[in-house]
């Protein structure tokens, strides 16, 4: 997924959480707090926290990866199996 740093506007690809820290996303060679990122979803940039709240993106059941729900069941459940 495309993510963008809010302060600099720099874009990166990410779909993985930093499992050794709280609320961090791995962005290539760096990690960033969730609050510092936007995500490109449904054709627009959206605050990543709001995208999780709206279930436009969801984590897997181990909380290691995140992405767009594959179907309506995943969206309702709130995580991938």
PDB file of N, CA and C in Angstrom:
ATOM      1  N   UNK A   1       0.843  -1.175   0.000  1.00  0.00           N
ATOM      2  CA  UNK A   1       0.000   0.000   0.000  1.00  0.00           C
ATOM      3  C   UNK A   1       0.888   1.238   0.000  1.00  0.00           C
ATOM      4  N   UNK A   2       0.379   2.295  -0.605  1.00  0.00           N
ATOM      5  CA  UNK A   2       1.107   3.554  -0.583  1.00  0.00           C
ATOM      6  C   UNK A   2       0.799   4.293   0.714  1.00  0.00           C
ATOM      7  N   UNK A   3       1.850   4.727   1.375  1.00  0.00           N
ATOM      8  CA  UNK A   3       1.708   5.571   2.559  1.00  0.00           C
ATOM      9  C   UNK A   3       2.479   6.859   2.309  1.00  0.00           C
ATOM     10  N   UNK A   4       2.085   7.908   3.014  1.00  0.00           N
ATOM     11  CA  UNK A   4       2.720   9.212   2.844  1.00  0.00           C
ATOM     12  C   UNK A   4       2.952   9.833   4.218  1.00  0.00           C
ATOM     13  N   UNK A   5       4.175  10.329   4.425  1.00  0.00           N
ATOM     14  CA  UNK A   5       4.479  11.048   5.656  1.00  0.00           C
ATOM     15  C   UNK A   5       3.731  12.379   5.645  1.00  0.00           C
ATOM     16  N   UNK A   6       3.035  12.692   6.717  1.00  0.00           N
ATOM     17  CA  UNK A   6       2.245  13.914   6.783  1.00  0.00           C
ATOM     18  C   UNK A   6       3.105  15.167   6.728  1.00  0.00           C
ATOM     19  N   UNK A   7       4.243  15.166   7.413  1.00  0.00           N
ATOM     20  CA  UNK A   7       5.070  16.371   7.486  1.00  0.00           C
ATOM     21  C   UNK A   7       5.820  16.666   6.200  1.00  0.00           C
ATOM     22  N   UNK A   8       6.381  15.672   5.569  1.00  0.00           N
ATOM     23  CA  UNK A   8       7.232  15.907   4.400  1.00  0.00           C
ATOM     24  C   UNK A   8       6.547  15.616   3.076  1.00  0.00           C
ATOM     25  N   UNK A   9       5.493  14.811   3.075  1.00  0.00           N
ATOM     26  CA  UNK A   9       4.836  14.437   1.842  1.00  0.00           C
ATOM     27  C   UNK A   9       5.543  13.313   1.095  1.00  0.00           C
ATOM     28  N   UNK A  10       6.594  12.768   1.681  1.00  0.00           N
ATOM     29  CA  UNK A  10       7.342  11.677   1.072  1.00  0.00           C
ATOM     30  C   UNK A  10       6.485  10.418   1.049  1.00  0.00           C
ATOM     31  N   UNK A  11       6.461   9.749  -0.103  1.00  0.00           N
ATOM     32  CA  UNK A  11       5.670   8.534  -0.244  1.00  0.00           C
ATOM     33  C   UNK A  11       6.544   7.297  -0.108  1.00  0.00           C
ATOM     34  N   UNK A  12       5.944   6.231   0.382  1.00  0.00           N
ATOM     35  CA  UNK A  12       6.624   4.942   0.523  1.00  0.00           C
ATOM     36  C   UNK A  12       5.582   3.840   0.373  1.00  0.00           C
ATOM     37  N   UNK A  13       6.051   2.616   0.245  1.00  0.00           N
ATOM     38  CA  UNK A  13       5.163   1.458   0.208  1.00  0.00           C
ATOM     39  C   UNK A  13       5.279   0.720   1.527  1.00  0.00           C
ATOM     40  N   UNK A  14       4.143   0.310   2.053  1.00  0.00           N
ATOM     41  CA  UNK A  14       4.149  -0.407   3.318  1.00  0.00           C
ATOM     42  C   UNK A  14       2.872  -1.211   3.468  1.00  0.00           C
ATOM     43  N   UNK A  15       2.978  -2.322   4.137  1.00  0.00           N
ATOM     44  CA  UNK A  15       1.798  -3.107   4.505  1.00  0.00           C
ATOM     45  C   UNK A  15       2.133  -3.939   5.743  1.00  0.00           C
ATOM     46  N   UNK A  16       3.097  -3.462   6.517  1.00  0.00           N
ATOM     47  CA  UNK A  16       3.581  -4.242   7.642  1.00  0.00           C
ATOM     48  C   UNK A  16       3.771  -3.378   8.887  1.00  0.00           C
ATOM     49  N   UNK A  17       3.370  -3.923  10.030  1.00  0.00           N
ATOM     50  CA  UNK A  17       3.598  -3.252  11.306  1.00  0.00           C
ATOM     51  C   UNK A  17       4.969  -3.614  11.858  1.00  0.00           C
ATOM     52  N   UNK A  18       5.535  -2.736  12.657  1.00  0.00           N
ATOM     53  CA  UNK A  18       6.740  -3.041  13.412  1.00  0.00           C
ATOM     54  C   UNK A  18       6.271  -3.781  14.664  1.00  0.00           C
ATOM     55  N   UNK A  19       6.503  -5.083  14.715  1.00  0.00           N
ATOM     56  CA  UNK A  19       5.982  -5.901  15.817  1.00  0.00           C
ATOM     57  C   UNK A  19       6.764  -5.718  17.110  1.00  0.00           C
ATOM     58  N   UNK A  20       7.853  -4.985  17.054  1.00  0.00           N
ATOM     59  CA  UNK A  20       8.667  -4.749  18.242  1.00  0.00           C
ATOM     60  C   UNK A  20       8.394  -3.390  18.881  1.00  0.00           C
ATOM     61  N   UNK A  21       7.407  -2.677  18.376  1.00  0.00           N
ATOM     62  CA  UNK A  21       7.062  -1.366  18.909  1.00  0.00           C
ATOM     63  C   UNK A  21       5.552  -1.179  18.830  1.00  0.00           C
ATOM     64  N   UNK A  22       5.057  -0.250  19.590  1.00  0.00           N
ATOM     65  CA  UNK A  22       3.623   0.032  19.589  1.00  0.00           C
ATOM     66  C   UNK A  22       3.301   1.067  18.516  1.00  0.00           C
ATOM     67  N   UNK A  23       2.299   0.779  17.695  1.00  0.00           N
ATOM     68  CA  UNK A  23       1.750   1.708  16.708  1.00  0.00           C
ATOM     69  C   UNK A  23       2.790   2.245  15.740  1.00  0.00           C
ATOM     70  N   UNK A  24       3.641   1.356  15.224  1.00  0.00           N
ATOM     71  CA  UNK A  24       4.614   1.750  14.213  1.00  0.00           C
ATOM     72  C   UNK A  24       4.425   0.903  12.963  1.00  0.00           C
ATOM     73  N   UNK A  25       4.667   1.533  11.824  1.00  0.00           N
ATOM     74  CA  UNK A  25       4.564   0.896  10.526  1.00  0.00           C
ATOM     75  C   UNK A  25       5.949   0.877   9.899  1.00  0.00           C
ATOM     76  N   UNK A  26       6.337  -0.259   9.323  1.00  0.00           N
ATOM     77  CA  UNK A  26       7.605  -0.362   8.616  1.00  0.00           C
ATOM     78  C   UNK A  26       7.437   0.214   7.214  1.00  0.00           C
ATOM     79  N   UNK A  27       8.305   1.152   6.860  1.00  0.00           N
ATOM     80  CA  UNK A  27       8.227   1.805   5.552  1.00  0.00           C
ATOM     81  C   UNK A  27       9.564   1.656   4.837  1.00  0.00           C
ATOM     82  N   UNK A  28       9.849   0.473   4.373  1.00  0.00           N
ATOM     83  CA  UNK A  28      11.112   0.242   3.684  1.00  0.00           C
ATOM     84  C   UNK A  28      12.256   0.138   4.664  1.00  0.00           C
ATOM     85  N   UNK A  29      13.131   1.125   4.666  1.00  0.00           N
ATOM     86  CA  UNK A  29      14.294   1.104   5.560  1.00  0.00           C
ATOM     87  C   UNK A  29      14.064   1.895   6.841  1.00  0.00           C
ATOM     88  N   UNK A  30      12.829   2.275   7.108  1.00  0.00           N
ATOM     89  CA  UNK A  30      12.509   3.118   8.254  1.00  0.00           C
ATOM     90  C   UNK A  30      11.215   2.606   8.887  1.00  0.00           C
ATOM     91  N   UNK A  31      10.886   3.126  10.050  1.00  0.00           N
ATOM     92  CA  UNK A  31       9.572   2.880  10.634  1.00  0.00           C
ATOM     93  C   UNK A  31       9.013   4.214  11.099  1.00  0.00           C
ATOM     94  N   UNK A  32       7.707   4.321  11.072  1.00  0.00           N
ATOM     95  CA  UNK A  32       7.049   5.576  11.424  1.00  0.00           C
ATOM     96  C   UNK A  32       5.844   5.282  12.293  1.00  0.00           C
ATOM     97  N   UNK A  33       5.523   6.229  13.152  1.00  0.00           N
ATOM     98  CA  UNK A  33       4.324   6.090  13.966  1.00  0.00           C
ATOM     99  C   UNK A  33       3.093   6.191  13.079  1.00  0.00           C
ATOM    100  N   UNK A  34       2.062   5.479  13.442  1.00  0.00           N
ATOM    101  CA  UNK A  34       0.811   5.494  12.696  1.00  0.00           C
ATOM    102  C   UNK A  34       0.277   6.921  12.594  1.00  0.00           C
ATOM    103  N   UNK A  35       0.418   7.704  13.625  1.00  0.00           N
ATOM    104  CA  UNK A  35      -0.106   9.070  13.633  1.00  0.00           C
ATOM    105  C   UNK A  35       0.608   9.990  12.646  1.00  0.00           C
ATOM    106  N   UNK A  36       1.766   9.580  12.129  1.00  0.00           N
ATOM    107  CA  UNK A  36       2.534  10.401  11.190  1.00  0.00           C
ATOM    108  C   UNK A  36       2.258  10.074   9.735  1.00  0.00           C
ATOM    109  N   UNK A  37       1.309   9.163   9.460  1.00  0.00           N
ATOM    110  CA  UNK A  37       1.121   8.666   8.099  1.00  0.00           C
ATOM    111  C   UNK A  37      -0.301   8.846   7.584  1.00  0.00           C
ATOM    112  N   UNK A  38      -0.381   9.025   6.264  1.00  0.00           N
ATOM    113  CA  UNK A  38      -1.623   8.920   5.510  1.00  0.00           C
ATOM    114  C   UNK A  38      -1.493   7.682   4.640  1.00  0.00           C
ATOM    115  N   UNK A  39      -2.621   7.150   4.181  1.00  0.00           N
ATOM    116  CA  UNK A  39      -2.609   5.981   3.313  1.00  0.00           C
ATOM    117  C   UNK A  39      -3.469   6.288   2.086  1.00  0.00           C
ATOM    118  N   UNK A  40      -3.055   5.772   0.924  1.00  0.00           N
ATOM    119  CA  UNK A  40      -3.823   5.957  -0.308  1.00  0.00           C
ATOM    120  C   UNK A  40      -4.797   4.804  -0.436  1.00  0.00           C
ATOM    121  N   UNK A  41      -6.071   5.090  -0.233  1.00  0.00           N
ATOM    122  CA  UNK A  41      -7.105   4.058  -0.266  1.00  0.00           C
ATOM    123  C   UNK A  41      -8.355   4.647  -0.914  1.00  0.00           C
ATOM    124  N   UNK A  42      -9.035   3.834  -1.721  1.00  0.00           N
ATOM    125  CA  UNK A  42     -10.244   4.263  -2.427  1.00  0.00           C
ATOM    126  C   UNK A  42     -10.011   5.509  -3.279  1.00  0.00           C
ATOM    127  N   UNK A  43      -8.813   5.617  -3.862  1.00  0.00           N
ATOM    128  CA  UNK A  43      -8.505   6.712  -4.772  1.00  0.00           C
ATOM    129  C   UNK A  43      -8.203   8.040  -4.127  1.00  0.00           C
ATOM    130  N   UNK A  44      -7.959   8.050  -2.805  1.00  0.00           N
ATOM    131  CA  UNK A  44      -7.652   9.314  -2.129  1.00  0.00           C
ATOM    132  C   UNK A  44      -6.745   9.074  -0.933  1.00  0.00           C
ATOM    133  N   UNK A  45      -6.077  10.125  -0.490  1.00  0.00           N
ATOM    134  CA  UNK A  45      -5.235  10.044   0.706  1.00  0.00           C
ATOM    135  C   UNK A  45      -6.113  10.214   1.933  1.00  0.00           C
ATOM    136  N   UNK A  46      -5.878   9.355   2.922  1.00  0.00           N
ATOM    137  CA  UNK A  46      -6.686   9.375   4.138  1.00  0.00           C
ATOM    138  C   UNK A  46      -5.773   9.122   5.333  1.00  0.00           C
ATOM    139  N   UNK A  47      -6.064   9.753   6.450  1.00  0.00           N
ATOM    140  CA  UNK A  47      -5.317   9.488   7.679  1.00  0.00           C
ATOM    141  C   UNK A  47      -5.411   7.997   7.972  1.00  0.00           C
ATOM    142  N   UNK A  48      -4.278   7.371   8.239  1.00  0.00           N
ATOM    143  CA  UNK A  48      -4.260   5.915   8.403  1.00  0.00           C
ATOM    144  C   UNK A  48      -5.096   5.465   9.604  1.00  0.00           C
ATOM    145  N   UNK A  49      -5.130   6.286  10.662  1.00  0.00           N
ATOM    146  CA  UNK A  49      -5.967   5.926  11.819  1.00  0.00           C
ATOM    147  C   UNK A  49      -7.439   5.929  11.442  1.00  0.00           C
ATOM    148  N   UNK A  50      -7.848   6.917  10.638  1.00  0.00           N
ATOM    149  CA  UNK A  50      -9.241   6.979  10.196  1.00  0.00           C
ATOM    150  C   UNK A  50      -9.562   5.835   9.243  1.00  0.00           C
ATOM    151  N   UNK A  51      -8.610   5.461   8.407  1.00  0.00           N
ATOM    152  CA  UNK A  51      -8.817   4.329   7.493  1.00  0.00           C
ATOM    153  C   UNK A  51      -9.026   3.031   8.273  1.00  0.00           C
ATOM    154  N   UNK A  52      -8.286   2.848   9.376  1.00  0.00           N
ATOM    155  CA  UNK A  52      -8.516   1.677  10.222  1.00  0.00           C
ATOM    156  C   UNK A  52      -9.876   1.763  10.905  1.00  0.00           C
ATOM    157  N   UNK A  53     -10.254   2.945  11.381  1.00  0.00           N
ATOM    158  CA  UNK A  53     -11.544   3.119  12.054  1.00  0.00           C
ATOM    159  C   UNK A  53     -12.713   2.860  11.099  1.00  0.00           C
ATOM    160  N   UNK A  54     -12.578   3.276   9.840  1.00  0.00           N
ATOM    161  CA  UNK A  54     -13.622   3.069   8.834  1.00  0.00           C
ATOM    162  C   UNK A  54     -13.560   1.679   8.215  1.00  0.00           C
ATOM    163  N   UNK A  55     -12.549   0.908   8.588  1.00  0.00           N
ATOM    164  CA  UNK A  55     -12.287  -0.431   8.047  1.00  0.00           C
ATOM    165  C   UNK A  55     -12.045  -0.417   6.543  1.00  0.00           C
ATOM    166  N   UNK A  56     -11.468   0.695   6.061  1.00  0.00           N
ATOM    167  CA  UNK A  56     -11.007   0.731   4.675  1.00  0.00           C
ATOM    168  C   UNK A  56      -9.734  -0.097   4.544  1.00  0.00           C
ATOM    169  N   UNK A  57      -8.975  -0.187   5.615  1.00  0.00           N
ATOM    170  CA  UNK A  57      -7.847  -1.112   5.720  1.00  0.00           C
ATOM    171  C   UNK A  57      -7.984  -1.847   7.045  1.00  0.00           C
ATOM    172  N   UNK A  58      -7.518  -3.083   7.063  1.00  0.00           N
ATOM    173  CA  UNK A  58      -7.632  -3.904   8.271  1.00  0.00           C
ATOM    174  C   UNK A  58      -6.343  -4.689   8.464  1.00  0.00           C
ATOM    175  N   UNK A  59      -6.035  -5.084   9.706  1.00  0.00           N
ATOM    176  CA  UNK A  59      -4.845  -5.912   9.951  1.00  0.00           C
ATOM    177  C   UNK A  59      -5.146  -7.386   9.743  1.00  0.00           C
ATOM    178  N   UNK A  60      -4.090  -8.193   9.706  1.00  0.00           N
ATOM    179  CA  UNK A  60      -4.303  -9.640   9.720  1.00  0.00           C
ATOM    180  C   UNK A  60      -4.548 -10.074  11.160  1.00  0.00           C
ATOM    181  N   UNK A  61      -4.868 -11.336  11.377  1.00  0.00           N
ATOM    182  CA  UNK A  61      -5.223 -11.787  12.723  1.00  0.00           C
ATOM    183  C   UNK A  61      -4.027 -11.865  13.666  1.00  0.00           C
ATOM    184  N   UNK A  62      -2.801 -11.720  13.159  1.00  0.00           N
ATOM    185  CA  UNK A  62      -1.614 -11.673  14.017  1.00  0.00           C
ATOM    186  C   UNK A  62      -1.123 -10.246  14.247  1.00  0.00           C
ATOM    187  N   UNK A  63      -1.778  -9.273  13.649  1.00  0.00           N
ATOM    188  CA  UNK A  63      -1.410  -7.863  13.764  1.00  0.00           C
ATOM    189  C   UNK A  63       0.007  -7.600  13.253  1.00  0.00           C
ATOM    190  N   UNK A  64       0.387  -8.277  12.179  1.00  0.00           N
ATOM    191  CA  UNK A  64       1.692  -8.065  11.552  1.00  0.00           C
ATOM    192  C   UNK A  64       1.571  -7.326  10.225  1.00  0.00           C
ATOM    193  N   UNK A  65       0.505  -7.562   9.473  1.00  0.00           N
ATOM    194  CA  UNK A  65       0.289  -6.996   8.150  1.00  0.00           C
ATOM    195  C   UNK A  65      -1.023  -6.230   8.132  1.00  0.00           C
ATOM    196  N   UNK A  66      -1.175  -5.333   7.178  1.00  0.00           N
ATOM    197  CA  UNK A  66      -2.454  -4.662   6.976  1.00  0.00           C
ATOM    198  C   UNK A  66      -2.697  -4.474   5.492  1.00  0.00           C
ATOM    199  N   UNK A  67      -3.963  -4.298   5.131  1.00  0.00           N
ATOM    200  CA  UNK A  67      -4.321  -4.106   3.730  1.00  0.00           C
ATOM    201  C   UNK A  67      -5.806  -3.881   3.565  1.00  0.00           C
ATOM    202  N   UNK A  68      -6.216  -3.777   2.320  1.00  0.00           N
ATOM    203  CA  UNK A  68      -7.620  -3.568   1.985  1.00  0.00           C
ATOM    204  C   UNK A  68      -8.368  -4.889   2.197  1.00  0.00           C
ATOM    205  N   UNK A  69      -9.553  -4.866   2.795  1.00  0.00           N
ATOM    206  CA  UNK A  69     -10.317  -6.110   2.991  1.00  0.00           C
ATOM    207  C   UNK A  69     -10.601  -6.792   1.664  1.00  0.00           C
ATOM    208  N   UNK A  70     -10.473  -8.115   1.623  1.00  0.00           N
ATOM    209  CA  UNK A  70     -10.699  -8.876   0.392  1.00  0.00           C
ATOM    210  C   UNK A  70     -12.170  -9.003   0.068  1.00  0.00           C
ATOM    211  N   UNK A  71     -13.010  -9.066   1.100  1.00  0.00           N
ATOM    212  CA  UNK A  71     -14.446  -9.199   0.872  1.00  0.00           C
ATOM    213  C   UNK A  71     -15.199  -8.581   2.057  1.00  0.00           C
ATOM    214  N   UNK A  72     -16.509  -8.611   1.973  1.00  0.00           N
ATOM    215  CA  UNK A  72     -17.338  -7.987   3.016  1.00  0.00           C
ATOM    216  C   UNK A  72     -17.206  -8.702   4.362  1.00  0.00           C
ATOM    217  N   UNK A  73     -16.962 -10.002   4.354  1.00  0.00           N
ATOM    218  CA  UNK A  73     -16.775 -10.738   5.610  1.00  0.00           C
ATOM    219  C   UNK A  73     -15.548 -10.232   6.364  1.00  0.00           C
ATOM    220  N   UNK A  74     -14.450 -10.023   5.647  1.00  0.00           N
ATOM    221  CA  UNK A  74     -13.245  -9.484   6.276  1.00  0.00           C
ATOM    222  C   UNK A  74     -13.513  -8.100   6.852  1.00  0.00           C
ATOM    223  N   UNK A  75     -14.221  -7.268   6.090  1.00  0.00           N
ATOM    224  CA  UNK A  75     -14.532  -5.907   6.558  1.00  0.00           C
ATOM    225  C   UNK A  75     -15.358  -5.953   7.843  1.00  0.00           C
ATOM    226  N   UNK A  76     -16.383  -6.811   7.887  1.00  0.00           N
ATOM    227  CA  UNK A  76     -17.208  -6.931   9.099  1.00  0.00           C
ATOM    228  C   UNK A  76     -16.411  -7.440  10.276  1.00  0.00           C
ATOM    229  N   UNK A  77     -15.599  -8.462  10.031  1.00  0.00           N
ATOM    230  CA  UNK A  77     -14.790  -9.067  11.097  1.00  0.00           C
ATOM    231  C   UNK A  77     -13.730  -8.093  11.594  1.00  0.00           C
ATOM    232  N   UNK A  78     -13.152  -7.294  10.692  1.00  0.00           N
ATOM    233  CA  UNK A  78     -12.162  -6.299  11.077  1.00  0.00           C
ATOM    234  C   UNK A  78     -10.732  -6.794  11.002  1.00  0.00           C
ATOM    235  N   UNK A  79     -10.510  -7.981  10.463  1.00  0.00           N
ATOM    236  CA  UNK A  79      -9.160  -8.505  10.269  1.00  0.00           C
ATOM    237  C   UNK A  79      -9.183  -9.635   9.245  1.00  0.00           C
ATOM    238  N   UNK A  80      -7.996  -9.903   8.657  1.00  0.00           N
ATOM    239  CA  UNK A  80      -7.837 -11.032   7.719  1.00  0.00           C
ATOM    240  C   UNK A  80      -7.624 -12.308   8.513  1.00  0.00           C
ATOM    241  N   UNK A  81      -8.037 -13.407   7.965  1.00  0.00           N
ATOM    242  CA  UNK A  81      -7.732 -14.714   8.569  1.00  0.00           C
ATOM    243  C   UNK A  81      -6.459 -15.257   8.006  1.00  0.00           C
TER     244      UNK A  81
END
